[in-house]
Amino acid sequence: MEEDLAPAPVILGIDDLRPLPGATRVARTSRDGVQLLQEHRETFVDELWLDHDLGGDDSIMPVVTLLEEAAFDGRPFRIGTVFVHSANPIGAETVVRSLTRWNYRVRRAVAQRSPTRG
């Protein structure tokens, strides 16, 4: 007798330093984050975890732009909840406000500082 197995949740993370142990895939740069989302374009993403600051001059904003443009085109990414866990309060609020405007379900999560960032 075969059991109906529910598919494993898809949990994507984009963060330069944090381990994100619950994530099924993690990208460490905005470029890799955009590619990761494009690979999951036709997939329901249960959770998307976003950090604003991605090291050096890199930030999550190219990923946010991709999500906004998809919604503008009438084909938003299918995401259960976007969690913004940045230690940068102004950057995090920008992401929350931008994605909420396009009807993504967004929640602010508390970020733990990386030991290398102090």
C-alpha atoms as a PDB file:
ATOM      1  CA  MET A   1       0.000   0.000   0.000  1.00  0.00           C
ATOM      2  CA  GLU A   2       1.476   3.322  -1.076  1.00  0.00           C
ATOM      3  CA  GLU A   3       1.234   6.278   1.241  1.00  0.00           C
ATOM      4  CA  ASP A   4       0.615   9.756  -0.074  1.00  0.00           C
ATOM      5  CA  LEU A   5       3.672  11.649   1.013  1.00  0.00           C
ATOM      6  CA  ALA A   6       3.424  15.412   1.171  1.00  0.00           C
ATOM      7  CA  PRO A   7       6.245  17.111  -0.686  1.00  0.00           C
ATOM      8  CA  ALA A   8       8.981  18.529   1.513  1.00  0.00           C
ATOM      9  CA  PRO A   9       8.571  22.256   2.081  1.00  0.00           C
ATOM     10  CA  VAL A  10      10.696  24.531  -0.086  1.00  0.00           C
ATOM     11  CA  ILE A  11      12.516  27.012   2.136  1.00  0.00           C
ATOM     12  CA  LEU A  12      14.926  29.367   0.409  1.00  0.00           C
ATOM     13  CA  GLY A  13      17.350  31.714   2.123  1.00  0.00           C
ATOM     14  CA  ILE A  14      19.433  34.603   0.844  1.00  0.00           C
ATOM     15  CA  ASP A  15      22.009  35.643   3.417  1.00  0.00           C
ATOM     16  CA  ASP A  16      25.754  36.166   3.158  1.00  0.00           C
ATOM     17  CA  LEU A  17      26.748  34.774   6.562  1.00  0.00           C
ATOM     18  CA  ARG A  18      24.012  33.143   8.628  1.00  0.00           C
ATOM     19  CA  PRO A  19      23.738  29.345   8.424  1.00  0.00           C
ATOM     20  CA  LEU A  20      19.879  29.240   8.022  1.00  0.00           C
ATOM     21  CA  PRO A  21      19.632  25.590   9.104  1.00  0.00           C
ATOM     22  CA  GLY A  22      15.959  25.240   8.085  1.00  0.00           C
ATOM     23  CA  ALA A  23      16.582  26.291   4.492  1.00  0.00           C
ATOM     24  CA  THR A  24      16.576  23.732   1.693  1.00  0.00           C
ATOM     25  CA  ARG A  25      18.761  26.049  -0.445  1.00  0.00           C
ATOM     26  CA  VAL A  26      20.810  29.133   0.445  1.00  0.00           C
ATOM     27  CA  ALA A  27      22.277  31.847  -1.775  1.00  0.00           C
ATOM     28  CA  ARG A  28      25.038  34.094  -0.452  1.00  0.00           C
ATOM     29  CA  THR A  29      24.867  36.992  -2.947  1.00  0.00           C
ATOM     30  CA  SER A  30      22.073  38.943  -4.631  1.00  0.00           C
ATOM     31  CA  ARG A  31      23.139  37.528  -8.004  1.00  0.00           C
ATOM     32  CA  ASP A  32      22.897  33.957  -6.708  1.00  0.00           C
ATOM     33  CA  GLY A  33      19.614  34.879  -4.983  1.00  0.00           C
ATOM     34  CA  VAL A  34      18.077  36.062  -8.247  1.00  0.00           C
ATOM     35  CA  GLN A  35      19.233  32.839  -9.929  1.00  0.00           C
ATOM     36  CA  LEU A  36      17.845  30.750  -7.059  1.00  0.00           C
ATOM     37  CA  LEU A  37      14.426  32.383  -7.356  1.00  0.00           C
ATOM     38  CA  GLN A  38      14.429  32.010 -11.141  1.00  0.00           C
ATOM     39  CA  GLU A  39      15.150  28.278 -10.693  1.00  0.00           C
ATOM     40  CA  HIS A  40      12.046  28.092  -8.462  1.00  0.00           C
ATOM     41  CA  ARG A  41       9.850  30.282 -10.705  1.00  0.00           C
ATOM     42  CA  GLU A  42       7.231  27.592 -11.220  1.00  0.00           C
ATOM     43  CA  THR A  43       7.489  26.140  -7.706  1.00  0.00           C
ATOM     44  CA  PHE A  44       5.542  27.101  -4.604  1.00  0.00           C
ATOM     45  CA  VAL A  45       8.087  28.424  -2.101  1.00  0.00           C
ATOM     46  CA  ASP A  46       6.847  27.868   1.448  1.00  0.00           C
ATOM     47  CA  GLU A  47       9.278  30.344   3.003  1.00  0.00           C
ATOM     48  CA  LEU A  48      11.763  32.862   1.653  1.00  0.00           C
ATOM     49  CA  TRP A  49      14.274  34.270   4.145  1.00  0.00           C
ATOM     50  CA  LEU A  50      15.949  37.551   3.172  1.00  0.00           C
ATOM     51  CA  ASP A  51      18.847  39.459   4.687  1.00  0.00           C
ATOM     52  CA  HIS A  52      19.243  43.059   3.504  1.00  0.00           C
ATOM     53  CA  ASP A  53      23.031  43.453   3.702  1.00  0.00           C
ATOM     54  CA  LEU A  54      24.914  40.791   1.743  1.00  0.00           C
ATOM     55  CA  GLY A  55      28.497  41.923   2.255  1.00  0.00           C
ATOM     56  CA  GLY A  56      30.438  44.785   0.706  1.00  0.00           C
ATOM     57  CA  ASP A  57      28.206  46.847  -1.571  1.00  0.00           C
ATOM     58  CA  ASP A  58      25.807  43.945  -2.192  1.00  0.00           C
ATOM     59  CA  SER A  59      22.256  44.048  -0.870  1.00  0.00           C
ATOM     60  CA  ILE A  60      19.000  42.136  -1.301  1.00  0.00           C
ATOM     61  CA  MET A  61      17.507  44.876  -3.494  1.00  0.00           C
ATOM     62  CA  PRO A  62      18.074  43.093  -6.869  1.00  0.00           C
ATOM     63  CA  VAL A  63      16.035  40.182  -5.454  1.00  0.00           C
ATOM     64  CA  VAL A  64      13.331  42.583  -4.233  1.00  0.00           C
ATOM     65  CA  THR A  65      13.243  44.178  -7.694  1.00  0.00           C
ATOM     66  CA  LEU A  66      12.772  40.739  -9.303  1.00  0.00           C
ATOM     67  CA  LEU A  67       9.842  40.014  -6.965  1.00  0.00           C
ATOM     68  CA  GLU A  68       8.301  43.457  -7.585  1.00  0.00           C
ATOM     69  CA  GLU A  69       8.609  43.180 -11.365  1.00  0.00           C
ATOM     70  CA  ALA A  70       7.004  39.735 -11.344  1.00  0.00           C
ATOM     71  CA  ALA A  71       4.055  41.110  -9.374  1.00  0.00           C
ATOM     72  CA  PHE A  72       3.823  44.155 -11.645  1.00  0.00           C
ATOM     73  CA  ASP A  73       3.631  41.796 -14.654  1.00  0.00           C
ATOM     74  CA  GLY A  74       0.744  39.959 -12.983  1.00  0.00           C
ATOM     75  CA  ARG A  75       2.809  36.833 -12.302  1.00  0.00           C
ATOM     76  CA  PRO A  76       4.033  37.194  -8.714  1.00  0.00           C
ATOM     77  CA  PHE A  77       6.194  34.443  -7.307  1.00  0.00           C
ATOM     78  CA  ARG A  78       4.130  31.958  -5.303  1.00  0.00           C
ATOM     79  CA  ILE A  79       5.576  32.350  -1.811  1.00  0.00           C
ATOM     80  CA  GLY A  80       3.869  31.439   1.446  1.00  0.00           C
ATOM     81  CA  THR A  81       5.749  33.912   3.638  1.00  0.00           C
ATOM     82  CA  VAL A  82       8.762  36.144   3.123  1.00  0.00           C
ATOM     83  CA  PHE A  83      10.769  36.562   6.325  1.00  0.00           C
ATOM     84  CA  VAL A  84      13.064  39.585   6.504  1.00  0.00           C
ATOM     85  CA  HIS A  85      15.706  38.890   9.123  1.00  0.00           C
ATOM     86  CA  SER A  86      18.239  41.645   8.545  1.00  0.00           C
ATOM     87  CA  ALA A  87      20.098  43.296  11.410  1.00  0.00           C
ATOM     88  CA  ASN A  88      19.795  46.538   9.387  1.00  0.00           C
ATOM     89  CA  PRO A  89      16.466  48.018  10.591  1.00  0.00           C
ATOM     90  CA  ILE A  90      16.175  50.660   7.851  1.00  0.00           C
ATOM     91  CA  GLY A  91      17.065  48.203   5.074  1.00  0.00           C
ATOM     92  CA  ALA A  92      14.706  45.603   6.513  1.00  0.00           C
ATOM     93  CA  GLU A  93      11.831  48.088   6.663  1.00  0.00           C
ATOM     94  CA  THR A  94      12.455  49.052   3.040  1.00  0.00           C
ATOM     95  CA  VAL A  95      12.184  45.390   1.991  1.00  0.00           C
ATOM     96  CA  VAL A  96       9.050  44.803   4.082  1.00  0.00           C
ATOM     97  CA  ARG A  97       7.353  47.923   2.713  1.00  0.00           C
ATOM     98  CA  SER A  98       8.302  47.182  -0.908  1.00  0.00           C
ATOM     99  CA  LEU A  99       7.108  43.580  -0.909  1.00  0.00           C
ATOM    100  CA  THR A 100       3.979  44.273   1.146  1.00  0.00           C
ATOM    101  CA  ARG A 101       2.973  46.861  -1.455  1.00  0.00           C
ATOM    102  CA  TRP A 102       2.930  44.022  -4.037  1.00  0.00           C
ATOM    103  CA  ASN A 103       0.808  41.760  -1.812  1.00  0.00           C
ATOM    104  CA  TYR A 104       3.524  39.372  -0.750  1.00  0.00           C
ATOM    105  CA  ARG A 105       2.991  38.093   2.789  1.00  0.00           C
ATOM    106  CA  VAL A 106       5.960  39.543   4.660  1.00  0.00           C
ATOM    107  CA  ARG A 107       7.034  39.161   8.278  1.00  0.00           C
ATOM    108  CA  ARG A 108       9.904  40.810  10.116  1.00  0.00           C
ATOM    109  CA  ALA A 109      12.062  38.280  11.937  1.00  0.00           C
ATOM    110  CA  VAL A 110      14.761  38.997  14.498  1.00  0.00           C
ATOM    111  CA  ALA A 111      18.243  38.585  13.111  1.00  0.00           C
ATOM    112  CA  GLN A 112      21.059  37.255  15.164  1.00  0.00           C
ATOM    113  CA  ARG A 113      24.291  39.084  14.551  1.00  0.00           C
ATOM    114  CA  SER A 114      27.016  37.078  12.952  1.00  0.00           C
ATOM    115  CA  PRO A 115      30.079  36.624  15.188  1.00  0.00           C
ATOM    116  CA  THR A 116      32.227  38.121  12.398  1.00  0.00           C
ATOM    117  CA  ARG A 117      30.151  41.309  12.253  1.00  0.00           C
ATOM    118  CA  GLY A 118      30.188  42.077  15.987  1.00  0.00           C
END
